[in-house]
Protein backbone atom coordinates (compact mmCIF):
# COMPACT_ATOMS: atom_id res chain seq x y z
CA MET A 1 -9.74 28.62 8.47
CA PHE A 2 -12.45 26.40 9.93
CA VAL A 3 -12.11 24.75 13.29
CA PHE A 4 -13.86 21.42 13.84
CA CYS A 5 -14.64 21.20 17.54
CA SER A 6 -16.56 18.40 19.25
CA ALA A 7 -17.81 18.05 22.83
CA ARG A 8 -14.93 15.75 23.63
CA GLY A 9 -12.44 18.34 22.33
CA ARG A 10 -13.92 21.09 24.52
CA ALA A 11 -13.45 18.99 27.65
CA SER A 12 -9.86 18.01 26.98
CA SER A 13 -8.27 20.99 25.13
CA PRO A 14 -9.12 24.55 26.33
CA VAL A 15 -7.03 25.99 23.46
CA TRP A 16 -9.51 24.62 20.96
CA VAL A 17 -12.33 26.39 22.80
CA ALA A 18 -10.59 29.74 22.50
CA ASP A 19 -9.94 29.19 18.78
CA ALA A 20 -13.55 28.21 18.24
CA ALA A 21 -14.76 31.31 20.11
CA ARG A 22 -12.61 33.60 17.99
CA ALA A 23 -13.84 31.88 14.82
CA SER A 24 -17.46 32.17 15.93
CA SER A 25 -16.93 35.87 16.70
CA SER A 26 -15.53 36.51 13.23
CA VAL A 27 -18.48 34.71 11.66
CA GLY A 28 -20.84 36.83 13.76
CA HIS A 29 -19.09 40.01 12.55
CA ALA A 30 -19.55 38.89 8.95
CA ALA A 31 -23.22 38.10 9.52
CA GLY A 32 -23.83 41.51 11.14
CA ALA A 33 -22.11 43.33 8.30
CA ARG A 34 -24.12 41.41 5.75
CA GLN A 35 -27.40 42.31 7.46
CA ALA A 36 -26.38 45.95 7.30
CA VAL A 37 -25.69 45.67 3.58
CA LEU A 38 -29.03 43.98 2.88
CA SER A 39 -30.96 46.53 4.92
CA GLY A 40 -29.60 49.40 2.83
CA GLY A 41 -27.37 50.93 5.49
CA PRO A 42 -23.68 51.67 5.09
CA GLY A 43 -21.52 48.60 5.48
CA PRO A 44 -17.92 48.37 6.63
CA GLY A 45 -15.62 50.21 4.32
CA ARG A 46 -18.58 51.34 2.22
CA GLU A 47 -20.63 54.52 2.15
CA SER A 48 -24.35 54.60 1.57
CA GLY A 49 -25.60 55.23 -1.94
CA GLN A 50 -22.69 53.55 -3.77
CA GLY A 51 -24.25 51.26 -6.38
CA LYS A 52 -27.19 48.93 -6.11
CA GLU A 53 -27.21 46.08 -3.63
CA GLU A 54 -27.75 42.51 -4.69
CA GLU A 55 -30.98 40.74 -3.92
CA THR A 56 -31.22 38.46 -0.96
CA GLY A 57 -32.35 35.45 -2.94
CA LEU A 58 -29.28 35.53 -5.15
CA LEU A 59 -26.89 35.86 -2.26
CA GLY A 60 -28.09 32.88 -0.27
CA PRO A 61 -26.70 31.78 3.12
CA ARG A 62 -22.96 32.00 3.61
CA TRP A 63 -20.47 29.42 4.75
CA GLY A 64 -20.83 28.96 8.52
CA GLU A 65 -24.08 30.93 8.61
CA ALA A 66 -27.24 29.37 9.94
CA PRO A 67 -29.30 27.97 7.03
CA ALA A 68 -33.04 28.12 7.04
CA GLY A 69 -34.71 25.31 8.95
CA ASP A 70 -31.73 24.54 11.24
CA PRO A 71 -32.75 25.74 14.74
CA GLN A 72 -29.69 24.18 16.37
CA VAL A 73 -27.24 26.28 14.41
CA ARG A 74 -29.51 29.35 14.50
CA SER A 75 -29.64 29.29 18.28
CA HIS A 76 -25.85 29.41 18.44
CA THR A 77 -25.44 32.18 15.89
CA SER A 78 -28.16 34.38 17.39
CA GLN A 79 -26.37 34.60 20.76
CA ARG A 80 -23.01 35.65 19.33
CA PRO A 81 -22.00 39.22 20.27
CA GLY A 82 -21.59 41.82 17.60
CA PRO A 83 -18.37 43.60 16.76
CA PRO A 84 -16.88 45.50 19.71
CA ALA A 85 -16.94 49.25 19.66
CA GLY A 86 -13.97 50.89 17.99
CA SER A 87 -12.76 47.68 16.35
CA ALA A 88 -12.47 47.21 12.61
CA SER A 89 -15.16 44.99 11.16
CA PRO A 90 -14.02 42.07 9.02
CA ARG A 91 -14.27 42.29 5.27
CA VAL A 92 -17.47 40.91 3.79
CA ARG A 93 -16.85 38.51 0.93
CA ARG A 94 -19.17 39.32 -1.93
CA VAL A 95 -21.04 36.33 -3.32
CA ARG A 96 -21.68 36.31 -7.03
CA PRO A 97 -25.27 35.76 -8.15
CA GLY A 98 -24.41 32.47 -9.89
CA SER A 99 -22.76 30.86 -6.84
CA ARG A 100 -24.48 28.40 -4.55
CA ARG A 101 -24.15 27.28 -0.98
CA PRO A 102 -21.71 24.37 -0.61
CA PRO A 103 -23.43 20.97 -0.37
CA ASP A 104 -24.04 19.40 3.00
CA TRP A 105 -21.28 16.82 2.65
CA LEU A 106 -18.68 19.64 2.27
CA ARG A 107 -19.77 21.48 5.41
CA PRO A 108 -18.22 20.81 8.84
CA ALA A 109 -19.21 17.48 10.35
CA PRO A 110 -22.66 17.74 12.03
CA ARG A 111 -23.12 16.79 15.64
CA SER A 112 -26.07 14.46 15.25
CA GLY A 113 -25.83 10.99 13.73
CA VAL A 114 -28.97 11.56 11.65
CA ALA A 115 -27.47 14.55 9.89
CA HIS A 116 -24.25 12.60 9.25
CA ALA A 117 -26.21 9.75 7.68
CA ARG A 118 -28.11 12.25 5.55
CA SER A 119 -24.82 13.73 4.31
CA PHE A 120 -23.44 10.25 3.54
CA ARG A 121 -26.57 9.41 1.55
CA ALA A 122 -26.06 12.62 -0.41
CA VAL A 123 -22.57 11.44 -1.38
CA LEU A 124 -23.91 8.05 -2.49
CA TRP A 125 -26.71 9.66 -4.46
CA HIS A 126 -24.25 12.01 -6.16
CA GLY A 127 -22.07 9.07 -7.22
CA PHE A 128 -25.08 7.09 -8.42
CA CYS A 129 -26.37 9.97 -10.53
CA SER A 130 -22.91 10.46 -12.04
CA SER A 131 -22.65 6.76 -12.93
CA ALA A 132 -26.14 6.69 -14.39
CA SER A 133 -25.48 9.73 -16.53
CA ALA A 134 -22.23 8.20 -17.78
CA VAL A 135 -23.95 4.93 -18.68
CA SER A 136 -26.79 6.70 -20.46
CA ALA A 137 -24.33 8.79 -22.42
CA ALA A 138 -22.28 5.75 -23.41
CA ALA A 139 -25.29 3.63 -24.45
CA PRO A 140 -28.12 5.87 -25.64
CA SER A 141 -30.16 2.94 -26.96
CA SER A 142 -32.45 0.90 -24.72
CA ARG A 143 -30.87 -2.42 -25.79
CA LEU A 144 -28.57 -4.10 -23.28
CA VAL A 145 -24.98 -4.22 -24.53
CA CYS A 146 -22.48 -6.86 -23.36
CA SER A 147 -18.89 -5.71 -23.05
CA PHE A 148 -16.17 -7.52 -21.16
CA PRO A 149 -12.60 -6.39 -20.53
CA LEU A 150 -9.85 -8.09 -22.47
CA LEU A 151 -8.15 -9.07 -19.22
CA GLY A 152 -8.57 -12.50 -17.73
CA MET A 153 -8.67 -15.74 -19.73
CA PHE A 154 -5.24 -17.37 -20.00
CA PRO A 155 -2.94 -14.88 -21.74
CA GLU A 156 -0.05 -17.35 -21.89
CA LEU A 157 -2.21 -19.83 -23.78
CA ASN A 158 -3.19 -17.08 -26.22
CA ASN A 159 0.48 -16.39 -26.80
CA LEU A 160 1.14 -20.06 -27.52
CA LEU A 161 -1.77 -20.17 -29.97
CA ASN A 162 -0.75 -16.78 -31.42
CA THR A 163 -4.24 -15.34 -31.18
CA THR A 164 -6.23 -12.65 -29.37
CA PRO A 165 -9.97 -11.95 -29.00
CA ASP A 166 -9.63 -9.15 -31.57
CA GLN A 167 -8.03 -11.53 -34.09
CA ALA A 168 -10.06 -14.70 -33.58
CA GLU A 169 -10.07 -17.00 -36.60
CA GLN A 170 -13.32 -18.12 -38.21
CA GLY A 171 -14.46 -21.33 -39.83
CA LYS A 172 -12.34 -23.59 -37.58
CA LEU A 173 -13.03 -26.79 -35.66
CA THR A 174 -11.08 -27.08 -32.41
CA LEU A 175 -10.81 -30.42 -30.62
CA LEU A 176 -10.08 -30.45 -26.88
CA CYS A 177 -8.96 -33.76 -25.42
CA ASP A 178 -7.93 -34.81 -21.91
CA ALA A 179 -6.27 -38.05 -20.83
CA LYS A 180 -5.56 -38.99 -17.19
CA THR A 181 -6.26 -35.40 -16.13
CA ASP A 182 -9.01 -32.78 -16.14
CA GLY A 183 -9.07 -30.61 -19.26
CA SER A 184 -12.02 -28.44 -18.25
CA PHE A 185 -9.75 -25.39 -17.92
CA LEU A 186 -9.53 -25.39 -21.73
CA VAL A 187 -13.33 -25.17 -21.95
CA HIS A 188 -13.40 -22.19 -19.57
CA HIS A 189 -10.67 -20.50 -21.57
CA PHE A 190 -12.47 -20.74 -24.91
CA LEU A 191 -15.80 -19.77 -23.35
CA SER A 192 -14.39 -16.52 -21.94
CA PHE A 193 -12.30 -16.03 -25.10
CA TYR A 194 -15.25 -15.99 -27.49
CA LEU A 195 -17.46 -13.97 -25.16
CA LYS A 196 -14.81 -11.27 -25.04
CA ALA A 197 -14.45 -11.53 -28.81
CA ASN A 198 -18.13 -10.43 -29.11
CA CYS A 199 -19.24 -13.75 -30.60
CA LYS A 200 -22.65 -15.39 -30.31
CA VAL A 201 -22.03 -18.54 -28.25
CA CYS A 202 -24.20 -21.64 -27.94
CA PHE A 203 -22.91 -23.66 -25.01
CA VAL A 204 -24.08 -27.27 -24.70
CA ALA A 205 -23.00 -28.13 -21.15
CA LEU A 206 -23.44 -31.81 -20.32
CA ILE A 207 -21.05 -32.02 -17.33
CA GLN A 208 -21.58 -29.10 -14.92
CA SER A 209 -24.35 -26.70 -13.97
CA PHE A 210 -24.72 -23.09 -15.03
CA SER A 211 -23.66 -21.77 -11.63
CA HIS A 212 -20.37 -23.67 -11.86
CA TYR A 213 -19.44 -22.13 -15.22
CA ASN A 214 -20.61 -18.72 -14.05
CA ILE A 215 -18.39 -18.77 -10.93
CA VAL A 216 -15.33 -19.77 -12.94
CA GLY A 217 -16.20 -17.22 -15.64
CA GLN A 218 -16.28 -14.39 -13.09
CA LYS A 219 -12.72 -15.23 -12.12
CA LEU A 220 -11.78 -14.92 -15.79
CA GLY A 221 -13.51 -11.55 -16.20
CA VAL A 222 -16.84 -12.55 -17.77
CA SER A 223 -20.37 -12.88 -16.45
CA LEU A 224 -22.45 -15.64 -18.01
CA THR A 225 -25.59 -14.21 -16.44
CA THR A 226 -25.10 -10.87 -18.18
CA ALA A 227 -24.19 -12.57 -21.46
CA ARG A 228 -27.33 -14.70 -21.33
CA GLU A 229 -29.57 -11.73 -20.51
CA CYS A 230 -28.31 -9.68 -23.44
CA GLY A 231 -28.66 -12.61 -25.85
CA GLN A 232 -24.98 -13.30 -26.46
CA LEU A 233 -25.00 -16.68 -24.72
CA VAL A 234 -27.47 -19.53 -25.26
CA PHE A 235 -26.90 -22.08 -22.50
CA LEU A 236 -28.24 -25.64 -22.57
CA GLU A 237 -27.87 -27.14 -19.11
CA GLY A 238 -27.84 -30.86 -19.70
CA LEU A 239 -28.15 -31.81 -16.02
CA LYS A 240 -31.47 -29.98 -15.69
CA SER A 241 -32.78 -30.68 -19.18
CA ALA A 242 -32.23 -34.42 -18.76
CA VAL A 243 -34.86 -34.37 -16.00
CA ASP A 244 -37.26 -31.94 -17.68
CA VAL A 245 -37.52 -34.08 -20.79
CA PHE A 246 -39.38 -36.79 -18.85
CA PHE A 247 -42.02 -34.40 -17.42
CA ARG A 248 -43.27 -32.84 -20.63
CA PRO A 249 -45.50 -34.20 -23.39
CA GLN A 250 -43.70 -36.35 -25.86
CA GLU A 251 -45.04 -34.29 -28.74
CA GLU A 252 -43.14 -31.17 -27.62
CA PRO A 253 -39.63 -30.99 -29.14
CA HIS A 254 -36.66 -31.08 -26.80
CA PRO A 255 -32.92 -30.99 -27.53
CA LEU A 256 -32.37 -34.17 -25.50
CA GLN A 257 -35.34 -36.01 -26.93
CA PHE A 258 -33.19 -39.06 -27.62
CA LEU A 259 -33.30 -39.91 -23.90
CA ARG A 260 -36.97 -40.92 -24.23
CA GLU A 261 -36.61 -42.87 -27.45
CA ALA A 262 -35.81 -46.53 -27.73
CA ASN A 263 -33.42 -45.80 -30.57
CA SER A 264 -31.10 -43.23 -28.99
CA GLY A 265 -29.08 -42.56 -32.12
CA ASN A 266 -31.09 -39.55 -33.33
CA LEU A 267 -29.45 -36.21 -32.46
CA GLN A 268 -31.49 -34.17 -34.93
CA PRO A 269 -33.41 -32.28 -32.16
CA LEU A 270 -30.09 -31.22 -30.64
CA TYR A 271 -28.84 -30.01 -34.02
CA GLU A 272 -32.05 -28.05 -34.59
CA PHE A 273 -31.59 -26.40 -31.19
CA VAL A 274 -28.07 -25.30 -32.15
CA GLN A 275 -29.26 -24.09 -35.53
CA GLU A 276 -32.05 -22.04 -33.98
CA ALA A 277 -29.72 -20.54 -31.35
CA LEU A 278 -26.96 -19.47 -33.77
CA LYS A 279 -28.90 -18.46 -36.87
CA PRO A 280 -28.15 -14.94 -38.15
CA VAL A 281 -30.33 -12.26 -36.58
CA ASP A 282 -32.15 -9.36 -38.20
CA SER A 283 -30.47 -6.02 -38.71
CA GLY A 284 -32.53 -4.45 -35.90
CA GLU A 285 -30.95 -6.66 -33.24
CA ALA A 286 -27.40 -6.90 -31.98
CA ALA A 287 -24.92 -7.98 -34.67
CA TRP A 288 -22.41 -10.42 -33.23
CA ARG A 289 -19.02 -11.11 -34.73
CA CYS A 290 -19.50 -14.81 -35.56
CA PRO A 291 -21.40 -17.81 -34.14
CA VAL A 292 -19.60 -20.32 -31.92
CA LEU A 293 -20.70 -23.77 -30.76
CA LEU A 294 -19.09 -25.08 -27.57
CA VAL A 295 -19.76 -28.64 -26.30
CA ASP A 296 -18.62 -30.01 -22.91
CA ASP A 297 -18.31 -32.86 -23.49
CA LEU A 298 -19.13 -35.29 -26.29
CA SER A 299 -18.09 -38.36 -24.31
CA VAL A 300 -21.23 -37.98 -22.19
CA LEU A 301 -23.33 -38.71 -25.27
CA LEU A 302 -21.52 -42.02 -25.63
CA SER A 303 -22.26 -42.81 -21.99
CA LEU A 304 -25.96 -42.06 -22.60
CA GLY A 305 -26.15 -44.70 -25.30
CA VAL A 306 -25.57 -42.61 -28.42
CA GLY A 307 -23.29 -44.26 -30.95
CA ALA A 308 -20.03 -42.74 -32.13
CA VAL A 309 -21.32 -42.54 -35.71
CA ALA A 310 -24.35 -40.52 -34.58
CA VAL A 311 -22.10 -38.10 -32.68
CA LEU A 312 -19.83 -37.72 -35.72
CA ASP A 313 -22.88 -36.99 -37.87
CA PHE A 314 -24.00 -34.34 -35.40
CA ILE A 315 -20.58 -32.63 -35.49
CA HIS A 316 -20.51 -32.95 -39.28
CA TYR A 317 -23.83 -31.10 -39.65
CA CYS A 318 -22.82 -28.47 -37.10
CA ARG A 319 -19.51 -27.92 -38.87
CA ALA A 320 -21.22 -27.60 -42.27
CA THR A 321 -23.71 -25.05 -40.91
CA VAL A 322 -21.70 -23.08 -38.35
CA CYS A 323 -18.20 -23.20 -39.86
CA ARG A 324 -18.80 -23.21 -43.59
CA GLU A 325 -22.14 -21.48 -44.05
CA TRP A 326 -22.00 -18.93 -41.22
CA LYS A 327 -18.18 -18.65 -40.92
CA GLY A 328 -18.22 -19.55 -37.26
CA ASN A 329 -16.27 -21.92 -35.00
CA VAL A 330 -16.94 -25.23 -33.25
CA VAL A 331 -15.12 -26.25 -30.06
CA ALA A 332 -15.73 -29.71 -28.54
CA LEU A 333 -14.19 -31.59 -25.62
CA VAL A 334 -13.74 -35.37 -25.70
CA HIS A 335 -12.37 -37.48 -22.87
CA ASP A 336 -9.79 -40.12 -23.74
CA SER A 337 -10.29 -43.00 -21.35
CA GLY A 338 -7.17 -44.79 -22.53
CA ASP A 339 -9.05 -48.08 -22.63
CA ALA A 340 -8.13 -50.11 -25.71
CA GLU A 341 -11.44 -51.98 -25.52
CA ASP A 342 -13.52 -48.79 -25.82
CA GLU A 343 -13.92 -48.81 -29.58
CA GLU A 344 -16.65 -46.18 -29.65
CA ASN A 345 -14.42 -43.64 -27.95
CA ASP A 346 -11.52 -44.41 -30.31
CA ILE A 347 -13.77 -43.98 -33.35
CA LEU A 348 -14.99 -40.62 -32.05
CA LEU A 349 -11.48 -39.36 -31.29
CA ASN A 350 -10.01 -40.46 -34.61
CA GLY A 351 -12.95 -39.11 -36.61
CA LEU A 352 -12.84 -35.67 -34.95
CA GLY A 353 -9.03 -35.58 -35.15
CA HIS A 354 -9.15 -35.83 -38.95
CA GLN A 355 -11.70 -32.99 -39.21
CA SER A 356 -10.11 -30.59 -36.71
CA HIS A 357 -7.90 -27.62 -37.55
CA LEU A 358 -6.51 -27.32 -33.99
CA ILE A 359 -6.08 -30.07 -31.38
CA LEU A 360 -5.28 -29.35 -27.72
CA ARG A 361 -4.53 -32.50 -25.74
CA ALA A 362 -4.07 -32.22 -21.97
CA GLU A 363 -2.28 -35.19 -20.46
CA GLY A 364 -1.26 -36.17 -16.96
CA LEU A 365 2.37 -36.67 -16.03
CA ALA A 366 3.78 -40.14 -16.62
CA THR A 367 5.63 -39.92 -13.30
CA GLY A 368 2.47 -39.27 -11.31
CA PHE A 369 1.14 -36.33 -9.32
CA CYS A 370 3.22 -33.20 -8.72
CA LYS A 371 2.10 -30.07 -6.89
CA ASP A 372 4.25 -27.77 -9.06
CA VAL A 373 3.47 -29.34 -12.47
CA HIS A 374 -0.11 -30.45 -13.07
CA GLY A 375 0.32 -31.89 -16.55
CA GLN A 376 1.44 -31.25 -20.10
CA LEU A 377 -0.38 -29.77 -23.09
CA ARG A 378 0.21 -30.85 -26.66
CA ILE A 379 -0.78 -28.35 -29.35
CA LEU A 380 -1.24 -29.67 -32.88
CA TRP A 381 -2.02 -27.40 -35.83
CA ARG A 382 -3.48 -29.21 -38.82
CA ARG A 383 -3.71 -27.57 -42.24
CA PRO A 384 -5.40 -29.97 -44.64
CA SER A 385 -5.05 -27.58 -47.59
CA GLU A 386 -1.24 -27.39 -47.40
CA PRO A 387 1.32 -30.03 -48.53
CA THR A 388 2.01 -33.05 -46.37
CA ALA A 389 5.42 -31.79 -45.21
CA GLN A 390 3.88 -28.55 -43.83
CA ARG A 391 0.49 -29.91 -42.82
CA ASP A 392 1.07 -30.63 -39.12
CA ARG A 393 3.04 -28.69 -36.53
CA SER A 394 3.06 -29.57 -32.84
CA LEU A 395 4.41 -28.16 -29.58
CA THR A 396 4.45 -29.61 -26.07
CA TYR A 397 4.42 -27.57 -22.85
CA GLN A 398 3.93 -28.31 -19.20
CA TYR A 399 1.48 -26.27 -17.17
CA LYS A 400 0.38 -25.41 -13.65
CA ILE A 401 -3.21 -24.41 -12.88
CA GLN A 402 -3.52 -21.44 -10.50
CA ASP A 403 -6.54 -19.71 -9.02
CA LYS A 404 -7.19 -17.30 -11.91
CA ASN A 405 -4.56 -18.26 -14.44
CA VAL A 406 -2.58 -21.12 -15.97
CA SER A 407 1.18 -20.83 -16.42
CA PHE A 408 2.95 -22.72 -19.22
CA PHE A 409 6.62 -23.59 -19.49
CA ALA A 410 8.88 -25.98 -21.38
CA LYS A 411 9.64 -29.44 -20.04
CA GLY A 412 11.96 -29.31 -17.06
CA MET A 413 11.72 -25.50 -16.86
CA SER A 414 9.29 -25.26 -13.96
CA PRO A 415 10.11 -22.42 -11.50
CA ALA A 416 10.08 -25.00 -8.69
CA VAL A 417 12.76 -27.05 -10.43
CA LEU A 418 14.94 -24.08 -11.33
């Protein structure tokens, strides 16, 4: 039994002082008996000449004994009286040659703050070495590996779509549409979904900055910074690139080169950027599951002066390359302004709707704003290869956006209403 006694305890509780004195006396008896054993003399309960004693270096200092280089503890142990005459000496615990002195952070709390900090650093260093050894054992290669937990995203939306990151379909075009509401939560869902599915993602972000998507992604269990460093994510930040394109020579290619041209209907540089980012890699590099193109959103291209036909041509080439040739997926967001006079937007929506395999349309409530129901989501599955009677299947749900999740429920079945 070890008694932890501080200066404050000695002043307030005399019983602790007596216990500490008895404990110190017993430790002094053990130290005296051990010195007798090491010097070759007869120890307690042992006659001289019985067996060979162990070497001092293998024994090492005992628990509670003054270690080498600690004058504070040595001064206390040197003044302790030996065993009284006629009393039985305590039993000396034999230390096996393979044992070691307990580490500093297992010993009684030191009196000085410096020693306490040194013991705390030892604990941190022990945990760091254990983590480093575990990481090196799990990933023996020098290449950085991206792995994200399957938690996060929007699990209720995955249940509605009947899919998981382990069973992601390939060769599909998914159209995301929002009308009178913000459908960006769908973009964040598919971004985290395909990163967790171990897919190579090319993200053309024309609305928000990289830091915005990274903050939202961390809430969903993914890190865009880590994914970009290990080569899984290729991010085109349109807000920054739109400025950089004007401060570089015109001869250098740029994905948004159409901003400097008088005829802004040429999106070939943007397609070449996507093709270069998602092309199959060599066998020596990381092998991703499938390539994925994610665009947020295509309506910005219309606002920048690009025609709807040029945008449809861009999606057509991306679909032919990514979906058909490389068996990947394309996900694009388009904003529905609801203006009947906006013919370009109607042409883009109708053209992409006929090519898409899955359409997710987020709409605002017809009755206005509600704090418990933020909108409704229409899910439309299109199967062009099947007969007309079984080609389309649609479902409609209402939803509420939370901090790290989105809850879906049938119309009129909101928990606030029930």
